[in-house]
Structures are given as C-alpha cells and as structure tokens.
Amino acid sequence: MPTHLVISKGTELLRVPLDALMYVSADGNYSTVVTRDSRATLLTMQLGRVETLISEQLGSSGNVFIRAGRGLIINSEYINFIDVSRQILVLSDCSGSRHELSASREVLAKLKEYIESTVK
C-alpha cells in the first residue's frame, strides 16, 4: 500500500505523505498542494492531471481524496465542518491545522450526504 503521492513534471518533483496531504486547489494551469503543516507548494500542473496521478498511484487507497468541484481535491479524512448555506468547508486535523475553504452549495451538499452515509 502506497504511503506517499509522488508528483513529477519537468524539473519538479513533490513527494507527499498521504496522511499529510489536506487538499489540492486549482489556479488555471497550476495546482497548489497544501499539507497538514500549512505548507503550500505551487505546481505547473493542472488539477485534472493531479487527480489522474492520485488514481494511478494510489488505486483504491486513493478513495479518501475527493474531487470537490472544478477547483478542489480534498482529503476526506480531514473534513471537520460543512456549512452548505454559507458555502464553507473546514478541513482540520483537530491538532492545530485548520483550512477554511469555499465551495459551491451543490458540492458541499453532496459532501455532506457522503459523510452522513459513511456513518450509517
């Protein structure tokens, strides 16, 4: 079972422990990888390509990473709070790392349903 995600393109290589990867956000042709220690690494790679790498490298263990709309891939293990009406998603490890993100109501409603279905 893989323990790291390796993202390599051109002269760049990023190796991230899976349990440290909180989310990846899109910015045009670039992606920003954010880890639990709040480090953000900008990559010259589109979010769709990062999503493909997660699928290829991690297989079924990559199922914790969820595409949340066009511009975000999140680690579902860190979902701490969802407010659909205010369009707020909080990812937290409950030990000091906290990231407040915004997403569409539709995406957040689906995330909420998904989380609720996993506890039943």
PDB file of N, CA and C in Angstrom:
ATOM      1  N   MET A   1       0.845  -1.184   0.000  1.00  0.00           N
ATOM      2  CA  MET A   1       0.000   0.000   0.000  1.00  0.00           C
ATOM      3  C   MET A   1       0.887   1.243   0.000  1.00  0.00           C
ATOM      4  N   PRO A   2       0.645   2.167  -0.938  1.00  0.00           N
ATOM      5  CA  PRO A   2       1.488   3.368  -1.018  1.00  0.00           C
ATOM      6  C   PRO A   2       1.335   4.257   0.217  1.00  0.00           C
ATOM      7  N   THR A   3       2.416   4.914   0.570  1.00  0.00           N
ATOM      8  CA  THR A   3       2.392   5.822   1.712  1.00  0.00           C
ATOM      9  C   THR A   3       2.598   7.270   1.292  1.00  0.00           C
ATOM     10  N   HIS A   4       3.000   7.467   0.024  1.00  0.00           N
ATOM     11  CA  HIS A   4       3.279   8.806  -0.490  1.00  0.00           C
ATOM     12  C   HIS A   4       2.661   8.985  -1.867  1.00  0.00           C
ATOM     13  N   LEU A   5       2.359  10.219  -2.185  1.00  0.00           N
ATOM     14  CA  LEU A   5       1.980  10.601  -3.536  1.00  0.00           C
ATOM     15  C   LEU A   5       3.186  11.309  -4.129  1.00  0.00           C
ATOM     16  N   VAL A   6       3.594  10.878  -5.312  1.00  0.00           N
ATOM     17  CA  VAL A   6       4.733  11.495  -5.986  1.00  0.00           C
ATOM     18  C   VAL A   6       4.209  12.227  -7.212  1.00  0.00           C
ATOM     19  N   ILE A   7       4.459  13.531  -7.249  1.00  0.00           N
ATOM     20  CA  ILE A   7       4.031  14.362  -8.372  1.00  0.00           C
ATOM     21  C   ILE A   7       5.299  14.884  -9.044  1.00  0.00           C
ATOM     22  N   SER A   8       5.493  14.476 -10.296  1.00  0.00           N
ATOM     23  CA  SER A   8       6.710  14.846 -11.008  1.00  0.00           C
ATOM     24  C   SER A   8       6.361  15.401 -12.382  1.00  0.00           C
ATOM     25  N   LYS A   9       6.956  16.546 -12.692  1.00  0.00           N
ATOM     26  CA  LYS A   9       6.762  17.138 -14.017  1.00  0.00           C
ATOM     27  C   LYS A   9       7.967  18.006 -14.321  1.00  0.00           C
ATOM     28  N   GLY A  10       8.603  17.729 -15.448  1.00  0.00           N
ATOM     29  CA  GLY A  10       9.768  18.512 -15.841  1.00  0.00           C
ATOM     30  C   GLY A  10      10.858  18.428 -14.786  1.00  0.00           C
ATOM     31  N   THR A  11      11.242  19.563 -14.258  1.00  0.00           N
ATOM     32  CA  THR A  11      12.300  19.608 -13.252  1.00  0.00           C
ATOM     33  C   THR A  11      11.761  19.552 -11.828  1.00  0.00           C
ATOM     34  N   GLU A  12      10.430  19.425 -11.669  1.00  0.00           N
ATOM     35  CA  GLU A  12       9.812  19.420 -10.346  1.00  0.00           C
ATOM     36  C   GLU A  12       9.485  18.005  -9.896  1.00  0.00           C
ATOM     37  N   LEU A  13       9.660  17.754  -8.608  1.00  0.00           N
ATOM     38  CA  LEU A  13       9.200  16.519  -8.001  1.00  0.00           C
ATOM     39  C   LEU A  13       8.745  16.842  -6.589  1.00  0.00           C
ATOM     40  N   LEU A  14       7.545  16.414  -6.275  1.00  0.00           N
ATOM     41  CA  LEU A  14       6.995  16.605  -4.939  1.00  0.00           C
ATOM     42  C   LEU A  14       6.569  15.236  -4.428  1.00  0.00           C
ATOM     43  N   ARG A  15       7.048  14.878  -3.246  1.00  0.00           N
ATOM     44  CA  ARG A  15       6.702  13.605  -2.609  1.00  0.00           C
ATOM     45  C   ARG A  15       6.028  13.939  -1.286  1.00  0.00           C
ATOM     46  N   VAL A  16       4.738  13.592  -1.180  1.00  0.00           N
ATOM     47  CA  VAL A  16       3.933  13.989  -0.029  1.00  0.00           C
ATOM     48  C   VAL A  16       3.389  12.750   0.672  1.00  0.00           C
ATOM     49  N   PRO A  17       3.603  12.633   1.994  1.00  0.00           N
ATOM     50  CA  PRO A  17       2.951  11.542   2.724  1.00  0.00           C
ATOM     51  C   PRO A  17       1.433  11.699   2.617  1.00  0.00           C
ATOM     52  N   LEU A  18       0.737  10.607   2.370  1.00  0.00           N
ATOM     53  CA  LEU A  18      -0.710  10.666   2.165  1.00  0.00           C
ATOM     54  C   LEU A  18      -1.444  11.243   3.359  1.00  0.00           C
ATOM     55  N   ASP A  19      -0.985  10.916   4.561  1.00  0.00           N
ATOM     56  CA  ASP A  19      -1.683  11.422   5.737  1.00  0.00           C
ATOM     57  C   ASP A  19      -1.397  12.898   5.997  1.00  0.00           C
ATOM     58  N   ALA A  20      -0.478  13.491   5.258  1.00  0.00           N
ATOM     59  CA  ALA A  20      -0.175  14.919   5.411  1.00  0.00           C
ATOM     60  C   ALA A  20      -0.868  15.772   4.347  1.00  0.00           C
ATOM     61  N   LEU A  21      -1.348  15.163   3.278  1.00  0.00           N
ATOM     62  CA  LEU A  21      -1.966  15.904   2.172  1.00  0.00           C
ATOM     63  C   LEU A  21      -3.400  16.266   2.535  1.00  0.00           C
ATOM     64  N   MET A  22      -3.664  17.575   2.704  1.00  0.00           N
ATOM     65  CA  MET A  22      -5.015  18.020   3.076  1.00  0.00           C
ATOM     66  C   MET A  22      -5.870  18.331   1.860  1.00  0.00           C
ATOM     67  N   TYR A  23      -5.301  19.107   0.922  1.00  0.00           N
ATOM     68  CA  TYR A  23      -6.064  19.402  -0.290  1.00  0.00           C
ATOM     69  C   TYR A  23      -5.159  19.910  -1.398  1.00  0.00           C
ATOM     70  N   VAL A  24      -5.715  19.900  -2.606  1.00  0.00           N
ATOM     71  CA  VAL A  24      -5.048  20.449  -3.787  1.00  0.00           C
ATOM     72  C   VAL A  24      -6.051  21.385  -4.438  1.00  0.00           C
ATOM     73  N   SER A  25      -5.635  22.609  -4.700  1.00  0.00           N
ATOM     74  CA  SER A  25      -6.537  23.572  -5.337  1.00  0.00           C
ATOM     75  C   SER A  25      -5.997  23.964  -6.706  1.00  0.00           C
ATOM     76  N   ALA A  26      -6.906  24.356  -7.570  1.00  0.00           N
ATOM     77  CA  ALA A  26      -6.551  24.745  -8.935  1.00  0.00           C
ATOM     78  C   ALA A  26      -6.408  26.249  -9.044  1.00  0.00           C
ATOM     79  N   ASP A  27      -5.495  26.656  -9.893  1.00  0.00           N
ATOM     80  CA  ASP A  27      -5.308  28.067 -10.238  1.00  0.00           C
ATOM     81  C   ASP A  27      -4.885  28.106 -11.698  1.00  0.00           C
ATOM     82  N   GLY A  28      -5.883  28.012 -12.583  1.00  0.00           N
ATOM     83  CA  GLY A  28      -5.587  27.970 -14.020  1.00  0.00           C
ATOM     84  C   GLY A  28      -4.820  26.706 -14.371  1.00  0.00           C
ATOM     85  N   ASN A  29      -3.650  26.867 -14.979  1.00  0.00           N
ATOM     86  CA  ASN A  29      -2.817  25.734 -15.359  1.00  0.00           C
ATOM     87  C   ASN A  29      -1.910  25.266 -14.225  1.00  0.00           C
ATOM     88  N   TYR A  30      -2.097  25.805 -13.054  1.00  0.00           N
ATOM     89  CA  TYR A  30      -1.285  25.467 -11.899  1.00  0.00           C
ATOM     90  C   TYR A  30      -2.145  24.799 -10.831  1.00  0.00           C
ATOM     91  N   SER A  31      -1.493  24.084  -9.938  1.00  0.00           N
ATOM     92  CA  SER A  31      -2.167  23.483  -8.791  1.00  0.00           C
ATOM     93  C   SER A  31      -1.338  23.783  -7.554  1.00  0.00           C
ATOM     94  N   THR A  32      -2.017  23.984  -6.445  1.00  0.00           N
ATOM     95  CA  THR A  32      -1.345  24.214  -5.174  1.00  0.00           C
ATOM     96  C   THR A  32      -1.661  23.053  -4.254  1.00  0.00           C
ATOM     97  N   VAL A  33      -0.606  22.382  -3.795  1.00  0.00           N
ATOM     98  CA  VAL A  33      -0.727  21.267  -2.867  1.00  0.00           C
ATOM     99  C   VAL A  33      -0.517  21.821  -1.461  1.00  0.00           C
ATOM    100  N   VAL A  34      -1.500  21.585  -0.578  1.00  0.00           N
ATOM    101  CA  VAL A  34      -1.422  22.097   0.793  1.00  0.00           C
ATOM    102  C   VAL A  34      -1.380  20.916   1.755  1.00  0.00           C
ATOM    103  N   THR A  35      -0.380  20.941   2.629  1.00  0.00           N
ATOM    104  CA  THR A  35      -0.195  19.856   3.584  1.00  0.00           C
ATOM    105  C   THR A  35      -0.641  20.266   4.982  1.00  0.00           C
ATOM    106  N   ARG A  36      -0.672  19.286   5.865  1.00  0.00           N
ATOM    107  CA  ARG A  36      -1.148  19.490   7.233  1.00  0.00           C
ATOM    108  C   ARG A  36      -0.371  20.579   7.973  1.00  0.00           C
ATOM    109  N   ASP A  37       0.891  20.748   7.649  1.00  0.00           N
ATOM    110  CA  ASP A  37       1.695  21.779   8.317  1.00  0.00           C
ATOM    111  C   ASP A  37       1.540  23.147   7.642  1.00  0.00           C
ATOM    112  N   SER A  38       0.509  23.290   6.796  1.00  0.00           N
ATOM    113  CA  SER A  38       0.146  24.531   6.102  1.00  0.00           C
ATOM    114  C   SER A  38       1.138  24.962   5.035  1.00  0.00           C
ATOM    115  N   ARG A  39       1.994  24.062   4.614  1.00  0.00           N
ATOM    116  CA  ARG A  39       2.899  24.384   3.505  1.00  0.00           C
ATOM    117  C   ARG A  39       2.135  24.258   2.198  1.00  0.00           C
ATOM    118  N   ALA A  40       2.303  25.251   1.365  1.00  0.00           N
ATOM    119  CA  ALA A  40       1.652  25.258   0.057  1.00  0.00           C
ATOM    120  C   ALA A  40       2.733  25.204  -1.016  1.00  0.00           C
ATOM    121  N   THR A  41       2.614  24.238  -1.917  1.00  0.00           N
ATOM    122  CA  THR A  41       3.574  24.074  -2.994  1.00  0.00           C
ATOM    123  C   THR A  41       2.847  24.261  -4.312  1.00  0.00           C
ATOM    124  N   LEU A  42       3.295  25.231  -5.093  1.00  0.00           N
ATOM    125  CA  LEU A  42       2.702  25.519  -6.399  1.00  0.00           C
ATOM    126  C   LEU A  42       3.352  24.628  -7.448  1.00  0.00           C
ATOM    127  N   LEU A  43       2.513  23.928  -8.230  1.00  0.00           N
ATOM    128  CA  LEU A  43       2.993  23.043  -9.276  1.00  0.00           C
ATOM    129  C   LEU A  43       2.505  23.513 -10.633  1.00  0.00           C
ATOM    130  N   THR A  44       3.328  23.332 -11.649  1.00  0.00           N
ATOM    131  CA  THR A  44       2.917  23.667 -13.010  1.00  0.00           C
ATOM    132  C   THR A  44       2.192  22.465 -13.620  1.00  0.00           C
ATOM    133  N   MET A  45       1.037  22.178 -13.050  1.00  0.00           N
ATOM    134  CA  MET A  45       0.246  21.026 -13.466  1.00  0.00           C
ATOM    135  C   MET A  45      -1.223  21.321 -13.187  1.00  0.00           C
ATOM    136  N   GLN A  46      -2.073  20.975 -14.133  1.00  0.00           N
ATOM    137  CA  GLN A  46      -3.499  21.186 -13.945  1.00  0.00           C
ATOM    138  C   GLN A  46      -4.060  20.187 -12.938  1.00  0.00           C
ATOM    139  N   LEU A  47      -5.144  20.572 -12.291  1.00  0.00           N
ATOM    140  CA  LEU A  47      -5.759  19.761 -11.257  1.00  0.00           C
ATOM    141  C   LEU A  47      -6.200  18.398 -11.790  1.00  0.00           C
ATOM    142  N   GLY A  48      -6.676  18.343 -13.003  1.00  0.00           N
ATOM    143  CA  GLY A  48      -7.093  17.073 -13.591  1.00  0.00           C
ATOM    144  C   GLY A  48      -5.955  16.076 -13.672  1.00  0.00           C
ATOM    145  N   ARG A  49      -4.766  16.568 -13.958  1.00  0.00           N
ATOM    146  CA  ARG A  49      -3.590  15.688 -14.015  1.00  0.00           C
ATOM    147  C   ARG A  49      -3.220  15.180 -12.618  1.00  0.00           C
ATOM    148  N   VAL A  50      -3.344  16.028 -11.605  1.00  0.00           N
ATOM    149  CA  VAL A  50      -3.093  15.601 -10.226  1.00  0.00           C
ATOM    150  C   VAL A  50      -4.095  14.512  -9.845  1.00  0.00           C
ATOM    151  N   GLU A  51      -5.346  14.703 -10.218  1.00  0.00           N
ATOM    152  CA  GLU A  51      -6.383  13.710  -9.934  1.00  0.00           C
ATOM    153  C   GLU A  51      -6.038  12.367 -10.591  1.00  0.00           C
ATOM    154  N   THR A  52      -5.553  12.407 -11.817  1.00  0.00           N
ATOM    155  CA  THR A  52      -5.141  11.188 -12.521  1.00  0.00           C
ATOM    156  C   THR A  52      -3.988  10.503 -11.808  1.00  0.00           C
ATOM    157  N   LEU A  53      -3.002  11.289 -11.359  1.00  0.00           N
ATOM    158  CA  LEU A  53      -1.862  10.713 -10.636  1.00  0.00           C
ATOM    159  C   LEU A  53      -2.309  10.031  -9.347  1.00  0.00           C
ATOM    160  N   ILE A  54      -3.235  10.646  -8.631  1.00  0.00           N
ATOM    161  CA  ILE A  54      -3.758  10.044  -7.401  1.00  0.00           C
ATOM    162  C   ILE A  54      -4.381   8.687  -7.722  1.00  0.00           C
ATOM    163  N   SER A  55      -5.177   8.643  -8.757  1.00  0.00           N
ATOM    164  CA  SER A  55      -5.841   7.402  -9.148  1.00  0.00           C
ATOM    165  C   SER A  55      -4.829   6.336  -9.577  1.00  0.00           C
ATOM    166  N   GLU A  56      -3.860   6.725 -10.397  1.00  0.00           N
ATOM    167  CA  GLU A  56      -2.863   5.777 -10.906  1.00  0.00           C
ATOM    168  C   GLU A  56      -1.964   5.236  -9.796  1.00  0.00           C
ATOM    169  N   GLN A  57      -1.511   6.105  -8.919  1.00  0.00           N
ATOM    170  CA  GLN A  57      -0.537   5.699  -7.911  1.00  0.00           C
ATOM    171  C   GLN A  57      -1.167   5.034  -6.692  1.00  0.00           C
ATOM    172  N   LEU A  58      -2.351   5.457  -6.323  1.00  0.00           N
ATOM    173  CA  LEU A  58      -2.914   5.009  -5.059  1.00  0.00           C
ATOM    174  C   LEU A  58      -3.989   3.942  -5.193  1.00  0.00           C
ATOM    175  N   GLY A  59      -4.552   3.802  -6.383  1.00  0.00           N
ATOM    176  CA  GLY A  59      -5.606   2.815  -6.563  1.00  0.00           C
ATOM    177  C   GLY A  59      -6.756   3.042  -5.601  1.00  0.00           C
ATOM    178  N   SER A  60      -7.225   1.970  -4.959  1.00  0.00           N
ATOM    179  CA  SER A  60      -8.376   2.093  -4.060  1.00  0.00           C
ATOM    180  C   SER A  60      -8.055   2.871  -2.786  1.00  0.00           C
ATOM    181  N   SER A  61      -6.789   2.945  -2.391  1.00  0.00           N
ATOM    182  CA  SER A  61      -6.450   3.732  -1.202  1.00  0.00           C
ATOM    183  C   SER A  61      -6.553   5.235  -1.486  1.00  0.00           C
ATOM    184  N   GLY A  62      -6.678   5.604  -2.751  1.00  0.00           N
ATOM    185  CA  GLY A  62      -6.865   6.999  -3.118  1.00  0.00           C
ATOM    186  C   GLY A  62      -8.299   7.466  -3.009  1.00  0.00           C
ATOM    187  N   ASN A  63      -9.193   6.569  -2.584  1.00  0.00           N
ATOM    188  CA  ASN A  63     -10.605   6.921  -2.469  1.00  0.00           C
ATOM    189  C   ASN A  63     -10.877   7.967  -1.403  1.00  0.00           C
ATOM    190  N   VAL A  64      -9.931   8.212  -0.503  1.00  0.00           N
ATOM    191  CA  VAL A  64     -10.134   9.256   0.506  1.00  0.00           C
ATOM    192  C   VAL A  64     -10.013  10.645  -0.111  1.00  0.00           C
ATOM    193  N   PHE A  65      -9.435  10.726  -1.312  1.00  0.00           N
ATOM    194  CA  PHE A  65      -9.304  12.011  -1.991  1.00  0.00           C
ATOM    195  C   PHE A  65     -10.506  12.196  -2.910  1.00  0.00           C
ATOM    196  N   ILE A  66     -11.218  13.287  -2.699  1.00  0.00           N
ATOM    197  CA  ILE A  66     -12.472  13.545  -3.404  1.00  0.00           C
ATOM    198  C   ILE A  66     -12.344  14.823  -4.211  1.00  0.00           C
ATOM    199  N   ARG A  67     -12.771  14.762  -5.461  1.00  0.00           N
ATOM    200  CA  ARG A  67     -12.827  15.961  -6.298  1.00  0.00           C
ATOM    201  C   ARG A  67     -14.059  16.738  -5.869  1.00  0.00           C
ATOM    202  N   ALA A  68     -13.848  17.924  -5.357  1.00  0.00           N
ATOM    203  CA  ALA A  68     -14.940  18.767  -4.862  1.00  0.00           C
ATOM    204  C   ALA A  68     -15.099  19.954  -5.796  1.00  0.00           C
ATOM    205  N   GLY A  69     -15.768  19.727  -6.899  1.00  0.00           N
ATOM    206  CA  GLY A  69     -15.952  20.794  -7.880  1.00  0.00           C
ATOM    207  C   GLY A  69     -14.777  20.879  -8.838  1.00  0.00           C
ATOM    208  N   ARG A  70     -14.764  21.942  -9.614  1.00  0.00           N
ATOM    209  CA  ARG A  70     -13.752  22.105 -10.656  1.00  0.00           C
ATOM    210  C   ARG A  70     -12.373  22.438 -10.116  1.00  0.00           C
ATOM    211  N   GLY A  71     -12.323  23.047  -8.934  1.00  0.00           N
ATOM    212  CA  GLY A  71     -11.048  23.580  -8.497  1.00  0.00           C
ATOM    213  C   GLY A  71     -10.471  23.010  -7.224  1.00  0.00           C
ATOM    214  N   LEU A  72     -10.939  21.822  -6.788  1.00  0.00           N
ATOM    215  CA  LEU A  72     -10.501  21.357  -5.476  1.00  0.00           C
ATOM    216  C   LEU A  72     -10.521  19.838  -5.385  1.00  0.00           C
ATOM    217  N   ILE A  73      -9.450  19.289  -4.834  1.00  0.00           N
ATOM    218  CA  ILE A  73      -9.397  17.890  -4.429  1.00  0.00           C
ATOM    219  C   ILE A  73      -9.104  17.911  -2.937  1.00  0.00           C
ATOM    220  N   ILE A  74      -9.932  17.224  -2.154  1.00  0.00           N
ATOM    221  CA  ILE A  74      -9.744  17.248  -0.698  1.00  0.00           C
ATOM    222  C   ILE A  74      -9.493  15.845  -0.162  1.00  0.00           C
ATOM    223  N   ASN A  75      -8.811  15.798   0.958  1.00  0.00           N
ATOM    224  CA  ASN A  75      -8.647  14.556   1.695  1.00  0.00           C
ATOM    225  C   ASN A  75      -9.849  14.460   2.636  1.00  0.00           C
ATOM    226  N   SER A  76     -10.747  13.531   2.360  1.00  0.00           N
ATOM    227  CA  SER A  76     -11.995  13.449   3.125  1.00  0.00           C
ATOM    228  C   SER A  76     -11.764  13.102   4.593  1.00  0.00           C
ATOM    229  N   GLU A  77     -10.605  12.577   4.931  1.00  0.00           N
ATOM    230  CA  GLU A  77     -10.284  12.263   6.321  1.00  0.00           C
ATOM    231  C   GLU A  77     -10.212  13.526   7.183  1.00  0.00           C
ATOM    232  N   TYR A  78     -10.007  14.685   6.549  1.00  0.00           N
ATOM    233  CA  TYR A  78      -9.854  15.934   7.292  1.00  0.00           C
ATOM    234  C   TYR A  78     -11.095  16.816   7.274  1.00  0.00           C
ATOM    235  N   ILE A  79     -12.205  16.329   6.705  1.00  0.00           N
ATOM    236  CA  ILE A  79     -13.427  17.131   6.718  1.00  0.00           C
ATOM    237  C   ILE A  79     -13.883  17.269   8.162  1.00  0.00           C
ATOM    238  N   ASN A  80     -13.960  18.510   8.618  1.00  0.00           N
ATOM    239  CA  ASN A  80     -14.307  18.798  10.006  1.00  0.00           C
ATOM    240  C   ASN A  80     -15.653  19.506  10.113  1.00  0.00           C
ATOM    241  N   PHE A  81     -15.963  20.377   9.138  1.00  0.00           N
ATOM    242  CA  PHE A  81     -17.181  21.179   9.214  1.00  0.00           C
ATOM    243  C   PHE A  81     -17.637  21.524   7.804  1.00  0.00           C
ATOM    244  N   ILE A  82     -18.932  21.396   7.585  1.00  0.00           N
ATOM    245  CA  ILE A  82     -19.545  21.783   6.314  1.00  0.00           C
ATOM    246  C   ILE A  82     -20.739  22.658   6.621  1.00  0.00           C
ATOM    247  N   ASP A  83     -20.791  23.836   6.010  1.00  0.00           N
ATOM    248  CA  ASP A  83     -21.965  24.708   6.109  1.00  0.00           C
ATOM    249  C   ASP A  83     -22.404  25.002   4.682  1.00  0.00           C
ATOM    250  N   VAL A  84     -23.423  24.277   4.247  1.00  0.00           N
ATOM    251  CA  VAL A  84     -23.881  24.385   2.861  1.00  0.00           C
ATOM    252  C   VAL A  84     -24.391  25.788   2.559  1.00  0.00           C
ATOM    253  N   SER A  85     -25.177  26.372   3.465  1.00  0.00           N
ATOM    254  CA  SER A  85     -25.783  27.676   3.192  1.00  0.00           C
ATOM    255  C   SER A  85     -24.749  28.799   3.088  1.00  0.00           C
ATOM    256  N   ARG A  86     -23.689  28.713   3.875  1.00  0.00           N
ATOM    257  CA  ARG A  86     -22.644  29.757   3.813  1.00  0.00           C
ATOM    258  C   ARG A  86     -21.487  29.369   2.897  1.00  0.00           C
ATOM    259  N   GLN A  87     -21.573  28.175   2.280  1.00  0.00           N
ATOM    260  CA  GLN A  87     -20.585  27.659   1.339  1.00  0.00           C
ATOM    261  C   GLN A  87     -19.188  27.557   1.967  1.00  0.00           C
ATOM    262  N   ILE A  88     -19.145  26.987   3.174  1.00  0.00           N
ATOM    263  CA  ILE A  88     -17.889  26.858   3.906  1.00  0.00           C
ATOM    264  C   ILE A  88     -17.571  25.385   4.124  1.00  0.00           C
ATOM    265  N   LEU A  89     -16.310  25.045   3.871  1.00  0.00           N
ATOM    266  CA  LEU A  89     -15.781  23.724   4.153  1.00  0.00           C
ATOM    267  C   LEU A  89     -14.527  23.914   4.997  1.00  0.00           C
ATOM    268  N   VAL A  90     -14.484  23.267   6.148  1.00  0.00           N
ATOM    269  CA  VAL A  90     -13.303  23.354   7.005  1.00  0.00           C
ATOM    270  C   VAL A  90     -12.633  21.988   7.041  1.00  0.00           C
ATOM    271  N   LEU A  91     -11.361  21.976   6.709  1.00  0.00           N
ATOM    272  CA  LEU A  91     -10.534  20.784   6.845  1.00  0.00           C
ATOM    273  C   LEU A  91      -9.642  20.995   8.051  1.00  0.00           C
ATOM    274  N   SER A  92      -9.605  20.017   8.931  1.00  0.00           N
ATOM    275  CA  SER A  92      -8.818  20.156  10.148  1.00  0.00           C
ATOM    276  C   SER A  92      -8.350  18.798  10.642  1.00  0.00           C
ATOM    277  N   ASP A  93      -7.174  18.786  11.273  1.00  0.00           N
ATOM    278  CA  ASP A  93      -6.711  17.558  11.922  1.00  0.00           C
ATOM    279  C   ASP A  93      -7.016  17.587  13.414  1.00  0.00           C
ATOM    280  N   CYS A  94      -7.695  18.645  13.866  1.00  0.00           N
ATOM    281  CA  CYS A  94      -8.087  18.843  15.272  1.00  0.00           C
ATOM    282  C   CYS A  94      -6.871  18.914  16.195  1.00  0.00           C
ATOM    283  N   SER A  95      -5.723  19.232  15.627  1.00  0.00           N
ATOM    284  CA  SER A  95      -4.495  19.363  16.410  1.00  0.00           C
ATOM    285  C   SER A  95      -3.748  20.644  16.057  1.00  0.00           C
ATOM    286  N   GLY A  96      -4.436  21.574  15.433  1.00  0.00           N
ATOM    287  CA  GLY A  96      -3.798  22.847  15.100  1.00  0.00           C
ATOM    288  C   GLY A  96      -3.829  23.216  13.637  1.00  0.00           C
ATOM    289  N   SER A  97      -3.974  22.234  12.756  1.00  0.00           N
ATOM    290  CA  SER A  97      -4.034  22.527  11.331  1.00  0.00           C
ATOM    291  C   SER A  97      -5.490  22.708  10.922  1.00  0.00           C
ATOM    292  N   ARG A  98      -5.812  23.883  10.384  1.00  0.00           N
ATOM    293  CA  ARG A  98      -7.198  24.202  10.011  1.00  0.00           C
ATOM    294  C   ARG A  98      -7.191  25.031   8.744  1.00  0.00           C
ATOM    295  N   HIS A  99      -7.974  24.616   7.765  1.00  0.00           N
ATOM    296  CA  HIS A  99      -8.075  25.331   6.499  1.00  0.00           C
ATOM    297  C   HIS A  99      -9.545  25.535   6.169  1.00  0.00           C
ATOM    298  N   GLU A 100      -9.942  26.793   6.021  1.00  0.00           N
ATOM    299  CA  GLU A 100     -11.319  27.107   5.657  1.00  0.00           C
ATOM    300  C   GLU A 100     -11.356  27.400   4.166  1.00  0.00           C
ATOM    301  N   LEU A 101     -12.184  26.643   3.458  1.00  0.00           N
ATOM    302  CA  LEU A 101     -12.290  26.756   2.007  1.00  0.00           C
ATOM    303  C   LEU A 101     -13.722  27.076   1.631  1.00  0.00           C
ATOM    304  N   SER A 102     -13.898  27.577   0.426  1.00  0.00           N
ATOM    305  CA  SER A 102     -15.254  27.781  -0.067  1.00  0.00           C
ATOM    306  C   SER A 102     -15.489  26.861  -1.252  1.00  0.00           C
ATOM    307  N   ALA A 103     -16.721  26.414  -1.368  1.00  0.00           N
ATOM    308  CA  ALA A 103     -17.124  25.542  -2.468  1.00  0.00           C
ATOM    309  C   ALA A 103     -18.590  25.813  -2.756  1.00  0.00           C
ATOM    310  N   SER A 104     -19.050  25.326  -3.882  1.00  0.00           N
ATOM    311  CA  SER A 104     -20.442  25.572  -4.256  1.00  0.00           C
ATOM    312  C   SER A 104     -21.388  24.818  -3.325  1.00  0.00           C
ATOM    313  N   ARG A 105     -22.597  25.322  -3.243  1.00  0.00           N
ATOM    314  CA  ARG A 105     -23.610  24.667  -2.406  1.00  0.00           C
ATOM    315  C   ARG A 105     -23.846  23.224  -2.843  1.00  0.00           C
ATOM    316  N   GLU A 106     -23.866  23.000  -4.168  1.00  0.00           N
ATOM    317  CA  GLU A 106     -24.112  21.661  -4.695  1.00  0.00           C
ATOM    318  C   GLU A 106     -23.027  20.693  -4.247  1.00  0.00           C
ATOM    319  N   VAL A 107     -21.776  21.115  -4.357  1.00  0.00           N
ATOM    320  CA  VAL A 107     -20.652  20.260  -3.962  1.00  0.00           C
ATOM    321  C   VAL A 107     -20.706  19.975  -2.471  1.00  0.00           C
ATOM    322  N   LEU A 108     -20.958  21.001  -1.679  1.00  0.00           N
ATOM    323  CA  LEU A 108     -20.997  20.821  -0.234  1.00  0.00           C
ATOM    324  C   LEU A 108     -22.163  19.935   0.196  1.00  0.00           C
ATOM    325  N   ALA A 109     -23.297  20.074  -0.467  1.00  0.00           N
ATOM    326  CA  ALA A 109     -24.449  19.225  -0.150  1.00  0.00           C
ATOM    327  C   ALA A 109     -24.112  17.762  -0.439  1.00  0.00           C
ATOM    328  N   LYS A 110     -23.431  17.495  -1.552  1.00  0.00           N
ATOM    329  CA  LYS A 110     -23.035  16.122  -1.885  1.00  0.00           C
ATOM    330  C   LYS A 110     -22.007  15.594  -0.894  1.00  0.00           C
ATOM    331  N   LEU A 111     -21.055  16.436  -0.502  1.00  0.00           N
ATOM    332  CA  LEU A 111     -20.069  16.029   0.502  1.00  0.00           C
ATOM    333  C   LEU A 111     -20.733  15.682   1.824  1.00  0.00           C
ATOM    334  N   LYS A 112     -21.681  16.518   2.215  1.00  0.00           N
ATOM    335  CA  LYS A 112     -22.418  16.291   3.470  1.00  0.00           C
ATOM    336  C   LYS A 112     -23.154  14.956   3.409  1.00  0.00           C
ATOM    337  N   GLU A 113     -23.837  14.694   2.303  1.00  0.00           N
ATOM    338  CA  GLU A 113     -24.546  13.427   2.138  1.00  0.00           C
ATOM    339  C   GLU A 113     -23.581  12.246   2.178  1.00  0.00           C
ATOM    340  N   TYR A 114     -22.427  12.413   1.544  1.00  0.00           N
ATOM    341  CA  TYR A 114     -21.424  11.348   1.515  1.00  0.00           C
ATOM    342  C   TYR A 114     -20.931  11.035   2.929  1.00  0.00           C
ATOM    343  N   ILE A 115     -20.605  12.057   3.690  1.00  0.00           N
ATOM    344  CA  ILE A 115     -20.119  11.859   5.052  1.00  0.00           C
ATOM    345  C   ILE A 115     -21.207  11.210   5.916  1.00  0.00           C
ATOM    346  N   GLU A 116     -22.427  11.686   5.764  1.00  0.00           N
ATOM    347  CA  GLU A 116     -23.537  11.105   6.535  1.00  0.00           C
ATOM    348  C   GLU A 116     -23.733   9.628   6.182  1.00  0.00           C
ATOM    349  N   SER A 117     -23.561   9.278   4.923  1.00  0.00           N
ATOM    350  CA  SER A 117     -23.757   7.885   4.501  1.00  0.00           C
ATOM    351  C   SER A 117     -22.665   6.955   5.014  1.00  0.00           C
ATOM    352  N   THR A 118     -21.503   7.493   5.323  1.00  0.00           N
ATOM    353  CA  THR A 118     -20.413   6.645   5.805  1.00  0.00           C
ATOM    354  C   THR A 118     -20.527   6.316   7.285  1.00  0.00           C
ATOM    355  N   VAL A 119     -21.369   7.032   8.011  1.00  0.00           N
ATOM    356  CA  VAL A 119     -21.520   6.768   9.450  1.00  0.00           C
ATOM    357  C   VAL A 119     -22.755   5.922   9.759  1.00  0.00           C
ATOM    358  N   LYS A 120     -23.538   5.628   8.753  1.00  0.00           N
ATOM    359  CA  LYS A 120     -24.764   4.845   8.982  1.00  0.00           C
ATOM    360  C   LYS A 120     -24.493   3.376   8.843  1.00  0.00           C
TER     361      LYS A 120
END
